Amino acid sequence: MDIVLISDPRVAAIEVRECGEALAPVRGRLRLDERMASASGAYSFLRAGLLGRLERAERRLPAGFHLLIVEGYREIAVQQEIFDSYSDTLRRTYPDMSPDDLYAAASRYVSPVPVAPHTAGAAVDLTLCADDGTEYDMGTAVNDTPEESAGACFTASPDISGEARSHRKILGAALEGVGLVNYPTEWWHWSYGDRYWAYTTGASHAVYGPTSIVA
């Protein structure tokens, strides 16, 4: 199956009709991991509608399984910094790569700012954990790059254990059941209401665009 990258012109061409829904705090509603914690606390917010869907997904999981939220909203400046940093890494690794190919390669792992669902509060990076907080084997760590994981970060990668594959299916069933879509190069990245969601589901438009936390 061909993977449509988030940088694809067909994704970028989708209209955003911002619904104006506020960002809401994850803390106190779902389990929140601190590995991506920042001084601003932005990582711990999501659009209210997405957060509600995640709460419903939590209730769909088998006994002993829980969602562990790693990162939600991401400020635009931070998103640009991450994209630029990863692009620089690829440029050093593959010095003969053309600018267009470099942009596409970077987009496998980091969304370009114009279409980035994290800056809309529409995307969540997450994993599964047990009752005691121990993370289940998902085949790679959250945020492992394609280079670091030899492609095992791709959701449908065959190069993971049967146990990890089973855990990814459990996660996917719960999230797809409440309307979220996965970015297939990152098993941990799911979204709702953004352009990639609209493209994947055939919706006429996205409902979440870039936003900010209002103090």
N, C-alpha and C. Protein backbone atom coordinates (compact mmCIF):
# COMPACT_ATOMS: atom_id res chain seq x y z
N MET A 1 0.84 -1.20 0.00
CA MET A 1 0.00 0.00 0.00
C MET A 1 0.87 1.24 0.00
N ASP A 2 0.57 2.17 -0.91
CA ASP A 2 1.31 3.41 -0.96
C ASP A 2 0.90 4.30 0.22
N ILE A 3 1.90 4.95 0.81
CA ILE A 3 1.65 5.84 1.93
C ILE A 3 1.58 7.27 1.41
N VAL A 4 0.51 7.97 1.74
CA VAL A 4 0.38 9.37 1.39
C VAL A 4 1.00 10.18 2.54
N LEU A 5 2.04 10.94 2.23
CA LEU A 5 2.71 11.73 3.25
C LEU A 5 1.91 12.99 3.55
N ILE A 6 2.11 13.51 4.72
CA ILE A 6 1.36 14.69 5.15
C ILE A 6 1.75 15.93 4.33
N SER A 7 2.89 15.88 3.65
CA SER A 7 3.33 16.98 2.80
C SER A 7 2.72 16.91 1.40
N ASP A 8 1.97 15.86 1.11
CA ASP A 8 1.38 15.67 -0.21
C ASP A 8 0.51 16.88 -0.57
N PRO A 9 0.63 17.41 -1.80
CA PRO A 9 -0.18 18.57 -2.20
C PRO A 9 -1.68 18.34 -2.04
N ARG A 10 -2.12 17.09 -2.15
CA ARG A 10 -3.55 16.80 -1.99
C ARG A 10 -4.00 17.06 -0.55
N VAL A 11 -3.10 16.87 0.39
CA VAL A 11 -3.42 17.14 1.79
C VAL A 11 -3.42 18.65 2.04
N ALA A 12 -2.36 19.30 1.56
CA ALA A 12 -2.23 20.74 1.76
C ALA A 12 -3.37 21.52 1.11
N ALA A 13 -3.98 20.97 0.05
CA ALA A 13 -5.04 21.67 -0.68
C ALA A 13 -6.38 21.64 0.03
N ILE A 14 -6.51 20.83 1.06
CA ILE A 14 -7.80 20.71 1.75
C ILE A 14 -8.10 21.98 2.54
N GLU A 15 -9.31 22.46 2.41
CA GLU A 15 -9.73 23.68 3.10
C GLU A 15 -9.87 23.44 4.60
N VAL A 16 -9.51 24.44 5.38
CA VAL A 16 -9.74 24.42 6.82
C VAL A 16 -10.87 25.38 7.15
N ARG A 17 -11.91 24.87 7.76
CA ARG A 17 -12.99 25.72 8.26
C ARG A 17 -12.93 25.64 9.79
N GLU A 18 -12.15 26.53 10.35
CA GLU A 18 -11.88 26.51 11.78
C GLU A 18 -13.19 26.59 12.59
N CYS A 19 -13.37 25.63 13.48
CA CYS A 19 -14.61 25.59 14.26
C CYS A 19 -14.53 26.42 15.54
N GLY A 20 -13.32 26.85 15.91
CA GLY A 20 -13.17 27.70 17.07
C GLY A 20 -13.17 26.99 18.41
N GLU A 21 -13.11 25.67 18.37
CA GLU A 21 -13.11 24.90 19.62
C GLU A 21 -11.82 25.15 20.41
N ALA A 22 -11.94 25.27 21.71
CA ALA A 22 -10.79 25.59 22.55
C ALA A 22 -9.90 24.38 22.81
N LEU A 23 -8.67 24.66 23.19
CA LEU A 23 -7.77 23.63 23.69
C LEU A 23 -8.16 23.32 25.14
N ALA A 24 -8.05 22.06 25.51
CA ALA A 24 -8.41 21.63 26.87
C ALA A 24 -7.26 20.84 27.48
N PRO A 25 -7.07 20.91 28.79
CA PRO A 25 -5.97 20.20 29.44
C PRO A 25 -6.24 18.70 29.56
N VAL A 26 -5.23 17.92 29.21
CA VAL A 26 -5.30 16.47 29.33
C VAL A 26 -5.18 16.04 30.79
N ARG A 27 -4.36 16.75 31.53
CA ARG A 27 -4.05 16.37 32.91
C ARG A 27 -5.33 16.26 33.75
N GLY A 28 -5.43 15.15 34.45
CA GLY A 28 -6.61 14.90 35.27
C GLY A 28 -7.71 14.14 34.56
N ARG A 29 -7.56 13.97 33.24
CA ARG A 29 -8.59 13.27 32.47
C ARG A 29 -8.06 11.97 31.88
N LEU A 30 -6.80 11.96 31.44
CA LEU A 30 -6.14 10.77 30.93
C LEU A 30 -4.73 10.72 31.50
N ARG A 31 -4.09 9.56 31.42
CA ARG A 31 -2.72 9.44 31.89
C ARG A 31 -1.80 10.26 30.99
N LEU A 32 -0.95 11.05 31.61
CA LEU A 32 -0.08 11.97 30.88
C LEU A 32 1.37 11.70 31.23
N ASP A 33 2.17 11.42 30.20
CA ASP A 33 3.60 11.18 30.38
C ASP A 33 4.34 12.51 30.35
N GLU A 34 5.49 12.57 30.99
CA GLU A 34 6.21 13.84 31.11
C GLU A 34 7.44 13.94 30.20
N ARG A 35 7.68 12.95 29.34
CA ARG A 35 8.93 12.96 28.57
C ARG A 35 9.03 14.14 27.61
N MET A 36 7.88 14.68 27.17
CA MET A 36 7.89 15.82 26.26
C MET A 36 7.46 17.10 26.97
N ALA A 37 7.52 17.09 28.29
CA ALA A 37 7.10 18.27 29.06
C ALA A 37 7.94 19.48 28.69
N SER A 38 7.27 20.64 28.66
CA SER A 38 7.95 21.89 28.33
C SER A 38 7.53 22.94 29.34
N ALA A 39 8.28 24.03 29.39
CA ALA A 39 7.97 25.09 30.35
C ALA A 39 6.57 25.65 30.12
N SER A 40 6.16 25.72 28.86
CA SER A 40 4.85 26.28 28.54
C SER A 40 3.71 25.34 28.88
N GLY A 41 4.02 24.04 28.97
CA GLY A 41 2.98 23.05 29.22
C GLY A 41 2.10 22.76 28.02
N ALA A 42 2.49 23.27 26.84
CA ALA A 42 1.66 23.12 25.64
C ALA A 42 1.36 21.66 25.32
N TYR A 43 2.32 20.80 25.54
CA TYR A 43 2.20 19.38 25.18
C TYR A 43 1.00 18.71 25.84
N SER A 44 0.50 19.29 26.94
CA SER A 44 -0.55 18.65 27.74
C SER A 44 -1.94 19.16 27.38
N PHE A 45 -2.08 19.82 26.22
CA PHE A 45 -3.38 20.31 25.77
C PHE A 45 -3.76 19.67 24.44
N LEU A 46 -5.07 19.52 24.23
CA LEU A 46 -5.63 19.04 22.98
C LEU A 46 -6.95 19.76 22.73
N ARG A 47 -7.40 19.77 21.49
CA ARG A 47 -8.74 20.28 21.23
C ARG A 47 -9.74 19.48 22.08
N ALA A 48 -10.72 20.18 22.59
CA ALA A 48 -11.67 19.55 23.50
C ALA A 48 -12.37 18.35 22.87
N GLY A 49 -12.73 18.46 21.60
CA GLY A 49 -13.41 17.36 20.93
C GLY A 49 -12.53 16.13 20.78
N LEU A 50 -11.26 16.35 20.48
CA LEU A 50 -10.32 15.24 20.36
C LEU A 50 -10.11 14.59 21.73
N LEU A 51 -9.97 15.39 22.76
CA LEU A 51 -9.78 14.84 24.10
C LEU A 51 -10.98 13.99 24.51
N GLY A 52 -12.16 14.45 24.20
CA GLY A 52 -13.35 13.66 24.50
C GLY A 52 -13.36 12.32 23.79
N ARG A 53 -12.91 12.31 22.54
CA ARG A 53 -12.83 11.07 21.79
C ARG A 53 -11.80 10.12 22.40
N LEU A 54 -10.69 10.67 22.88
CA LEU A 54 -9.68 9.83 23.53
C LEU A 54 -10.22 9.22 24.82
N GLU A 55 -11.03 9.96 25.54
CA GLU A 55 -11.64 9.39 26.75
C GLU A 55 -12.56 8.22 26.39
N ARG A 56 -13.27 8.34 25.30
CA ARG A 56 -14.11 7.22 24.85
C ARG A 56 -13.25 6.05 24.39
N ALA A 57 -12.12 6.34 23.73
CA ALA A 57 -11.22 5.28 23.31
C ALA A 57 -10.65 4.53 24.51
N GLU A 58 -10.33 5.27 25.57
CA GLU A 58 -9.83 4.65 26.79
C GLU A 58 -10.81 3.59 27.31
N ARG A 59 -12.08 3.89 27.23
CA ARG A 59 -13.09 2.96 27.72
C ARG A 59 -13.27 1.75 26.81
N ARG A 60 -12.77 1.83 25.59
CA ARG A 60 -12.86 0.71 24.65
C ARG A 60 -11.71 -0.28 24.80
N LEU A 61 -10.70 0.07 25.56
CA LEU A 61 -9.53 -0.80 25.70
C LEU A 61 -9.82 -2.01 26.58
N PRO A 62 -9.10 -3.12 26.35
CA PRO A 62 -9.26 -4.29 27.22
C PRO A 62 -8.80 -3.97 28.65
N ALA A 63 -9.26 -4.75 29.59
CA ALA A 63 -8.84 -4.58 30.98
C ALA A 63 -7.32 -4.65 31.08
N GLY A 64 -6.74 -3.76 31.86
CA GLY A 64 -5.30 -3.73 32.04
C GLY A 64 -4.55 -2.89 31.02
N PHE A 65 -5.27 -2.26 30.11
CA PHE A 65 -4.65 -1.39 29.10
C PHE A 65 -5.17 0.04 29.28
N HIS A 66 -4.26 1.00 29.12
CA HIS A 66 -4.62 2.40 29.25
C HIS A 66 -3.86 3.23 28.22
N LEU A 67 -4.48 4.31 27.76
CA LEU A 67 -3.78 5.27 26.91
C LEU A 67 -2.78 6.05 27.77
N LEU A 68 -1.61 6.29 27.22
CA LEU A 68 -0.61 7.14 27.87
C LEU A 68 -0.28 8.26 26.89
N ILE A 69 -0.72 9.46 27.19
CA ILE A 69 -0.54 10.60 26.29
C ILE A 69 0.89 11.14 26.44
N VAL A 70 1.60 11.23 25.33
CA VAL A 70 2.98 11.71 25.34
C VAL A 70 3.05 13.17 24.91
N GLU A 71 2.33 13.52 23.86
CA GLU A 71 2.36 14.92 23.41
C GLU A 71 1.10 15.24 22.62
N GLY A 72 0.55 16.42 22.89
CA GLY A 72 -0.61 16.90 22.15
C GLY A 72 -0.27 18.14 21.36
N TYR A 73 -0.75 19.28 21.84
CA TYR A 73 -0.53 20.54 21.15
C TYR A 73 0.97 20.90 21.12
N ARG A 74 1.37 21.47 20.00
CA ARG A 74 2.77 21.89 19.84
C ARG A 74 2.78 23.30 19.24
N GLU A 75 3.49 24.21 19.88
CA GLU A 75 3.55 25.58 19.38
C GLU A 75 4.23 25.63 18.02
N ILE A 76 3.81 26.59 17.18
CA ILE A 76 4.28 26.66 15.80
C ILE A 76 5.79 26.80 15.73
N ALA A 77 6.37 27.63 16.57
CA ALA A 77 7.83 27.82 16.55
C ALA A 77 8.55 26.53 16.88
N VAL A 78 8.01 25.76 17.80
CA VAL A 78 8.62 24.47 18.18
C VAL A 78 8.52 23.49 17.02
N GLN A 79 7.37 23.46 16.35
CA GLN A 79 7.18 22.57 15.20
C GLN A 79 8.20 22.88 14.11
N GLN A 80 8.40 24.17 13.82
CA GLN A 80 9.36 24.56 12.80
C GLN A 80 10.77 24.15 13.18
N GLU A 81 11.10 24.32 14.45
CA GLU A 81 12.43 23.96 14.93
C GLU A 81 12.69 22.46 14.77
N ILE A 82 11.69 21.65 15.09
CA ILE A 82 11.83 20.19 14.97
C ILE A 82 11.99 19.80 13.51
N PHE A 83 11.17 20.40 12.63
CA PHE A 83 11.25 20.07 11.20
C PHE A 83 12.61 20.46 10.64
N ASP A 84 13.07 21.65 10.98
CA ASP A 84 14.37 22.11 10.47
C ASP A 84 15.51 21.24 10.99
N SER A 85 15.45 20.86 12.25
CA SER A 85 16.51 20.05 12.84
C SER A 85 16.60 18.67 12.17
N TYR A 86 15.43 18.05 11.95
CA TYR A 86 15.43 16.74 11.31
C TYR A 86 15.86 16.85 9.85
N SER A 87 15.44 17.91 9.18
CA SER A 87 15.87 18.13 7.79
C SER A 87 17.38 18.28 7.71
N ASP A 88 17.97 18.99 8.66
CA ASP A 88 19.43 19.16 8.69
C ASP A 88 20.13 17.83 8.89
N THR A 89 19.55 16.99 9.75
CA THR A 89 20.13 15.66 9.98
C THR A 89 20.11 14.84 8.70
N LEU A 90 18.99 14.87 8.00
CA LEU A 90 18.89 14.13 6.74
C LEU A 90 19.83 14.69 5.69
N ARG A 91 19.99 16.00 5.67
CA ARG A 91 20.87 16.64 4.69
C ARG A 91 22.32 16.20 4.89
N ARG A 92 22.72 16.08 6.16
CA ARG A 92 24.08 15.62 6.45
C ARG A 92 24.25 14.14 6.12
N THR A 93 23.20 13.37 6.35
CA THR A 93 23.27 11.93 6.11
C THR A 93 23.21 11.60 4.63
N TYR A 94 22.40 12.36 3.89
CA TYR A 94 22.21 12.12 2.46
C TYR A 94 22.50 13.41 1.69
N PRO A 95 23.77 13.78 1.55
CA PRO A 95 24.13 15.08 0.95
C PRO A 95 23.72 15.23 -0.51
N ASP A 96 23.46 14.13 -1.21
CA ASP A 96 23.08 14.22 -2.62
C ASP A 96 21.58 14.29 -2.82
N MET A 97 20.81 14.26 -1.75
CA MET A 97 19.36 14.28 -1.88
C MET A 97 18.89 15.65 -2.35
N SER A 98 17.95 15.66 -3.30
CA SER A 98 17.42 16.92 -3.82
C SER A 98 16.56 17.60 -2.76
N PRO A 99 16.38 18.92 -2.88
CA PRO A 99 15.52 19.63 -1.91
C PRO A 99 14.11 19.05 -1.82
N ASP A 100 13.52 18.69 -2.95
CA ASP A 100 12.17 18.13 -2.94
C ASP A 100 12.14 16.78 -2.23
N ASP A 101 13.13 15.95 -2.52
CA ASP A 101 13.19 14.63 -1.87
C ASP A 101 13.48 14.77 -0.38
N LEU A 102 14.31 15.75 -0.04
CA LEU A 102 14.61 16.00 1.37
C LEU A 102 13.35 16.41 2.12
N TYR A 103 12.56 17.29 1.53
CA TYR A 103 11.32 17.75 2.15
C TYR A 103 10.36 16.58 2.36
N ALA A 104 10.25 15.73 1.35
CA ALA A 104 9.36 14.57 1.46
C ALA A 104 9.87 13.59 2.51
N ALA A 105 11.18 13.37 2.53
CA ALA A 105 11.76 12.45 3.51
C ALA A 105 11.56 12.96 4.94
N ALA A 106 11.75 14.24 5.13
CA ALA A 106 11.55 14.82 6.46
C ALA A 106 10.10 14.69 6.89
N SER A 107 9.19 14.76 5.91
CA SER A 107 7.76 14.70 6.21
C SER A 107 7.29 13.32 6.63
N ARG A 108 8.13 12.30 6.42
CA ARG A 108 7.76 10.97 6.92
C ARG A 108 7.67 10.97 8.43
N TYR A 109 8.46 11.86 9.05
CA TYR A 109 8.61 11.84 10.50
C TYR A 109 8.13 13.11 11.18
N VAL A 110 8.28 14.25 10.52
CA VAL A 110 7.88 15.54 11.11
C VAL A 110 6.98 16.27 10.11
N SER A 111 5.84 16.75 10.57
CA SER A 111 4.92 17.46 9.68
C SER A 111 5.45 18.85 9.36
N PRO A 112 5.44 19.25 8.09
CA PRO A 112 5.75 20.64 7.76
C PRO A 112 4.73 21.56 8.44
N VAL A 113 5.17 22.72 8.85
CA VAL A 113 4.31 23.63 9.62
C VAL A 113 2.96 23.92 8.96
N PRO A 114 2.91 24.18 7.64
CA PRO A 114 1.61 24.55 7.05
C PRO A 114 0.51 23.50 7.23
N VAL A 115 0.88 22.24 7.39
CA VAL A 115 -0.13 21.18 7.52
C VAL A 115 0.00 20.42 8.84
N ALA A 116 0.79 20.92 9.76
CA ALA A 116 1.09 20.17 10.99
C ALA A 116 -0.13 20.07 11.90
N PRO A 117 -0.61 18.87 12.17
CA PRO A 117 -1.79 18.73 13.04
C PRO A 117 -1.51 19.03 14.50
N HIS A 118 -0.27 18.87 14.94
CA HIS A 118 0.03 19.18 16.35
C HIS A 118 -0.17 20.67 16.63
N THR A 119 0.13 21.54 15.68
CA THR A 119 -0.04 22.97 15.90
C THR A 119 -1.50 23.38 15.90
N ALA A 120 -2.36 22.47 15.48
CA ALA A 120 -3.80 22.71 15.51
C ALA A 120 -4.44 22.09 16.77
N GLY A 121 -3.62 21.42 17.57
CA GLY A 121 -4.18 20.70 18.72
C GLY A 121 -5.00 19.51 18.30
N ALA A 122 -4.80 19.06 17.06
CA ALA A 122 -5.61 18.01 16.46
C ALA A 122 -4.93 16.66 16.45
N ALA A 123 -3.68 16.60 16.90
CA ALA A 123 -2.92 15.35 16.86
C ALA A 123 -2.41 15.01 18.25
N VAL A 124 -2.27 13.71 18.47
CA VAL A 124 -1.75 13.23 19.75
C VAL A 124 -0.75 12.12 19.49
N ASP A 125 0.36 12.18 20.20
CA ASP A 125 1.33 11.08 20.22
C ASP A 125 1.09 10.32 21.52
N LEU A 126 0.90 9.03 21.41
CA LEU A 126 0.52 8.26 22.59
C LEU A 126 0.94 6.81 22.48
N THR A 127 0.87 6.10 23.59
CA THR A 127 1.18 4.68 23.62
C THR A 127 0.24 4.01 24.60
N LEU A 128 0.50 2.74 24.90
CA LEU A 128 -0.31 1.98 25.84
C LEU A 128 0.50 1.63 27.07
N CYS A 129 -0.16 1.63 28.21
CA CYS A 129 0.51 1.22 29.44
C CYS A 129 -0.42 0.34 30.27
N ALA A 130 0.17 -0.36 31.23
CA ALA A 130 -0.58 -1.23 32.13
C ALA A 130 -1.09 -0.43 33.32
N ASP A 131 -1.81 -1.10 34.20
CA ASP A 131 -2.37 -0.43 35.37
C ASP A 131 -1.31 0.29 36.20
N ASP A 132 -0.12 -0.31 36.27
CA ASP A 132 0.95 0.29 37.09
C ASP A 132 1.79 1.30 36.33
N GLY A 133 1.40 1.62 35.10
CA GLY A 133 2.11 2.61 34.30
C GLY A 133 3.20 2.05 33.41
N THR A 134 3.49 0.75 33.51
CA THR A 134 4.51 0.13 32.66
C THR A 134 4.04 0.14 31.21
N GLU A 135 4.89 0.62 30.32
CA GLU A 135 4.52 0.70 28.91
C GLU A 135 4.60 -0.66 28.24
N TYR A 136 3.63 -0.93 27.40
CA TYR A 136 3.63 -2.17 26.63
C TYR A 136 4.62 -2.07 25.47
N ASP A 137 5.09 -3.22 25.02
CA ASP A 137 5.99 -3.29 23.87
C ASP A 137 5.20 -2.96 22.62
N MET A 138 5.60 -1.87 21.95
CA MET A 138 4.94 -1.45 20.72
C MET A 138 5.86 -1.59 19.51
N GLY A 139 7.01 -2.18 19.70
CA GLY A 139 7.93 -2.42 18.58
C GLY A 139 9.05 -1.41 18.50
N THR A 140 8.78 -0.17 18.83
CA THR A 140 9.81 0.88 18.91
C THR A 140 9.38 1.83 20.03
N ALA A 141 10.27 2.70 20.40
CA ALA A 141 9.91 3.77 21.32
C ALA A 141 9.09 4.82 20.58
N VAL A 142 8.27 5.56 21.30
CA VAL A 142 7.59 6.71 20.72
C VAL A 142 8.65 7.70 20.22
N ASN A 143 8.46 8.21 19.02
CA ASN A 143 9.33 9.20 18.39
C ASN A 143 10.63 8.63 17.82
N ASP A 144 10.77 7.31 17.74
CA ASP A 144 11.91 6.76 17.00
C ASP A 144 11.78 7.12 15.53
N THR A 145 12.85 7.60 14.92
CA THR A 145 12.81 7.97 13.51
C THR A 145 12.89 6.71 12.64
N PRO A 146 12.55 6.83 11.34
CA PRO A 146 12.71 5.69 10.44
C PRO A 146 14.15 5.20 10.40
N GLU A 147 15.10 6.13 10.53
CA GLU A 147 16.51 5.73 10.50
C GLU A 147 16.89 4.97 11.77
N GLU A 148 16.45 5.46 12.92
CA GLU A 148 16.78 4.81 14.19
C GLU A 148 16.14 3.43 14.31
N SER A 149 14.95 3.28 13.76
CA SER A 149 14.21 2.03 13.93
C SER A 149 14.26 1.11 12.72
N ALA A 150 15.02 1.48 11.70
CA ALA A 150 15.08 0.71 10.45
C ALA A 150 13.68 0.48 9.88
N GLY A 151 12.84 1.50 10.04
CA GLY A 151 11.50 1.45 9.47
C GLY A 151 10.46 0.78 10.36
N ALA A 152 10.87 0.28 11.52
CA ALA A 152 9.92 -0.40 12.40
C ALA A 152 8.90 0.57 13.01
N CYS A 153 9.16 1.88 12.90
CA CYS A 153 8.19 2.86 13.40
C CYS A 153 6.96 2.94 12.51
N PHE A 154 7.05 2.46 11.27
CA PHE A 154 5.90 2.46 10.38
C PHE A 154 4.83 1.55 10.99
N THR A 155 3.61 2.00 11.03
CA THR A 155 2.56 1.29 11.75
C THR A 155 2.41 -0.16 11.29
N ALA A 156 2.50 -0.39 10.00
CA ALA A 156 2.30 -1.72 9.45
C ALA A 156 3.60 -2.49 9.24
N SER A 157 4.69 -2.05 9.86
CA SER A 157 5.97 -2.70 9.66
C SER A 157 5.89 -4.19 10.01
N PRO A 158 6.45 -5.05 9.15
CA PRO A 158 6.49 -6.48 9.46
C PRO A 158 7.66 -6.85 10.39
N ASP A 159 8.53 -5.88 10.63
CA ASP A 159 9.77 -6.15 11.36
C ASP A 159 9.65 -5.88 12.85
N ILE A 160 8.53 -6.31 13.43
CA ILE A 160 8.34 -6.19 14.87
C ILE A 160 7.81 -7.53 15.38
N SER A 161 7.85 -7.71 16.67
CA SER A 161 7.40 -8.98 17.25
C SER A 161 5.88 -9.12 17.14
N GLY A 162 5.42 -10.35 17.28
CA GLY A 162 3.99 -10.60 17.26
C GLY A 162 3.29 -9.90 18.41
N GLU A 163 3.95 -9.82 19.55
CA GLU A 163 3.38 -9.15 20.71
C GLU A 163 3.20 -7.66 20.43
N ALA A 164 4.23 -7.04 19.86
CA ALA A 164 4.14 -5.62 19.54
C ALA A 164 3.06 -5.36 18.50
N ARG A 165 2.96 -6.25 17.53
CA ARG A 165 1.93 -6.11 16.49
C ARG A 165 0.54 -6.19 17.11
N SER A 166 0.37 -7.10 18.06
CA SER A 166 -0.91 -7.23 18.76
C SER A 166 -1.24 -5.96 19.53
N HIS A 167 -0.26 -5.38 20.17
CA HIS A 167 -0.49 -4.16 20.94
C HIS A 167 -0.85 -3.00 20.02
N ARG A 168 -0.22 -2.91 18.86
CA ARG A 168 -0.57 -1.85 17.91
C ARG A 168 -2.00 -2.03 17.42
N LYS A 169 -2.44 -3.27 17.25
CA LYS A 169 -3.81 -3.52 16.81
C LYS A 169 -4.81 -3.12 17.89
N ILE A 170 -4.47 -3.37 19.15
CA ILE A 170 -5.34 -2.97 20.25
C ILE A 170 -5.49 -1.45 20.27
N LEU A 171 -4.37 -0.75 20.14
CA LEU A 171 -4.40 0.72 20.11
C LEU A 171 -5.21 1.22 18.93
N GLY A 172 -4.93 0.66 17.77
CA GLY A 172 -5.62 1.10 16.56
C GLY A 172 -7.12 0.87 16.62
N ALA A 173 -7.54 -0.26 17.13
CA ALA A 173 -8.97 -0.56 17.20
C ALA A 173 -9.70 0.44 18.09
N ALA A 174 -9.09 0.80 19.22
CA ALA A 174 -9.72 1.75 20.13
C ALA A 174 -9.82 3.14 19.52
N LEU A 175 -8.76 3.58 18.84
CA LEU A 175 -8.72 4.94 18.30
C LEU A 175 -9.53 5.07 17.01
N GLU A 176 -9.44 4.08 16.14
CA GLU A 176 -10.25 4.12 14.93
C GLU A 176 -11.73 4.05 15.27
N GLY A 177 -12.05 3.38 16.36
CA GLY A 177 -13.43 3.24 16.78
C GLY A 177 -14.09 4.54 17.21
N VAL A 178 -13.27 5.56 17.50
CA VAL A 178 -13.83 6.86 17.88
C VAL A 178 -13.51 7.93 16.84
N GLY A 179 -13.08 7.48 15.65
CA GLY A 179 -12.95 8.41 14.52
C GLY A 179 -11.58 8.97 14.24
N LEU A 180 -10.54 8.54 14.98
CA LEU A 180 -9.20 9.06 14.74
C LEU A 180 -8.55 8.33 13.57
N VAL A 181 -7.55 8.99 12.95
CA VAL A 181 -6.77 8.36 11.88
C VAL A 181 -5.29 8.37 12.25
N ASN A 182 -4.60 7.38 11.76
CA ASN A 182 -3.17 7.23 12.04
C ASN A 182 -2.33 7.78 10.90
N TYR A 183 -1.18 8.37 11.24
CA TYR A 183 -0.19 8.71 10.22
C TYR A 183 0.69 7.47 10.07
N PRO A 184 0.64 6.76 8.94
CA PRO A 184 1.18 5.41 8.86
C PRO A 184 2.69 5.26 8.97
N THR A 185 3.43 6.36 9.03
CA THR A 185 4.87 6.23 9.25
C THR A 185 5.21 6.30 10.74
N GLU A 186 4.20 6.57 11.58
CA GLU A 186 4.42 6.70 13.02
C GLU A 186 3.26 6.02 13.76
N TRP A 187 3.50 4.86 14.33
CA TRP A 187 2.41 4.11 14.96
C TRP A 187 1.76 4.88 16.11
N TRP A 188 2.49 5.82 16.71
CA TRP A 188 2.02 6.54 17.88
C TRP A 188 1.23 7.80 17.55
N HIS A 189 1.20 8.22 16.30
CA HIS A 189 0.62 9.52 15.91
C HIS A 189 -0.79 9.33 15.35
N TRP A 190 -1.76 9.93 16.04
CA TRP A 190 -3.16 9.85 15.64
C TRP A 190 -3.77 11.24 15.66
N SER A 191 -4.76 11.46 14.80
CA SER A 191 -5.34 12.80 14.74
C SER A 191 -6.82 12.75 14.41
N TYR A 192 -7.44 13.90 14.65
CA TYR A 192 -8.86 14.08 14.32
C TYR A 192 -9.08 15.55 13.98
N GLY A 193 -9.81 15.80 12.89
CA GLY A 193 -10.22 17.16 12.55
C GLY A 193 -9.24 17.98 11.74
N ASP A 194 -8.04 17.46 11.49
CA ASP A 194 -7.02 18.18 10.73
C ASP A 194 -7.10 17.82 9.25
N ARG A 195 -6.20 18.39 8.47
CA ARG A 195 -6.23 18.15 7.02
C ARG A 195 -5.96 16.68 6.68
N TYR A 196 -5.02 16.06 7.39
CA TYR A 196 -4.72 14.66 7.07
C TYR A 196 -5.91 13.77 7.41
N TRP A 197 -6.58 14.08 8.49
CA TRP A 197 -7.81 13.35 8.84
C TRP A 197 -8.84 13.53 7.74
N ALA A 198 -9.02 14.77 7.27
CA ALA A 198 -10.00 15.04 6.22
C ALA A 198 -9.67 14.26 4.95
N TYR A 199 -8.37 14.26 4.58
CA TYR A 199 -7.97 13.53 3.38
C TYR A 199 -8.24 12.04 3.54
N THR A 200 -7.88 11.50 4.67
CA THR A 200 -7.99 10.06 4.90
C THR A 200 -9.44 9.59 4.95
N THR A 201 -10.30 10.40 5.55
CA THR A 201 -11.70 10.01 5.72
C THR A 201 -12.60 10.45 4.58
N GLY A 202 -12.09 11.33 3.71
CA GLY A 202 -12.91 11.85 2.62
C GLY A 202 -13.79 13.01 3.04
N ALA A 203 -13.53 13.59 4.20
CA ALA A 203 -14.30 14.76 4.64
C ALA A 203 -14.04 15.93 3.70
N SER A 204 -15.02 16.81 3.57
CA SER A 204 -14.90 17.92 2.62
C SER A 204 -13.94 18.99 3.10
N HIS A 205 -13.67 19.05 4.41
CA HIS A 205 -12.80 20.08 4.94
C HIS A 205 -12.30 19.67 6.32
N ALA A 206 -11.24 20.33 6.77
CA ALA A 206 -10.75 20.15 8.13
C ALA A 206 -11.47 21.13 9.04
N VAL A 207 -11.59 20.79 10.32
CA VAL A 207 -12.27 21.67 11.26
C VAL A 207 -11.33 22.33 12.26
N TYR A 208 -10.09 21.86 12.30
CA TYR A 208 -9.09 22.43 13.19
C TYR A 208 -7.90 22.95 12.38
N GLY A 209 -7.56 24.22 12.58
CA GLY A 209 -6.37 24.81 11.99
C GLY A 209 -5.41 25.26 13.07
N PRO A 210 -4.27 25.84 12.71
CA PRO A 210 -3.30 26.30 13.72
C PRO A 210 -3.96 27.16 14.77
N THR A 211 -3.57 26.94 16.02
CA THR A 211 -4.20 27.67 17.12
C THR A 211 -3.16 27.98 18.18
N SER A 212 -3.59 28.60 19.25
CA SER A 212 -2.68 28.90 20.34
C SER A 212 -3.42 28.80 21.67
N ILE A 213 -2.66 28.65 22.72
CA ILE A 213 -3.24 28.60 24.06
C ILE A 213 -3.49 30.04 24.52
N VAL A 214 -4.72 30.34 24.85
CA VAL A 214 -5.08 31.67 25.34
C VAL A 214 -5.02 31.64 26.85
N ALA A 215 -4.18 32.51 27.41
CA ALA A 215 -4.04 32.53 28.86
C ALA A 215 -5.32 33.00 29.52
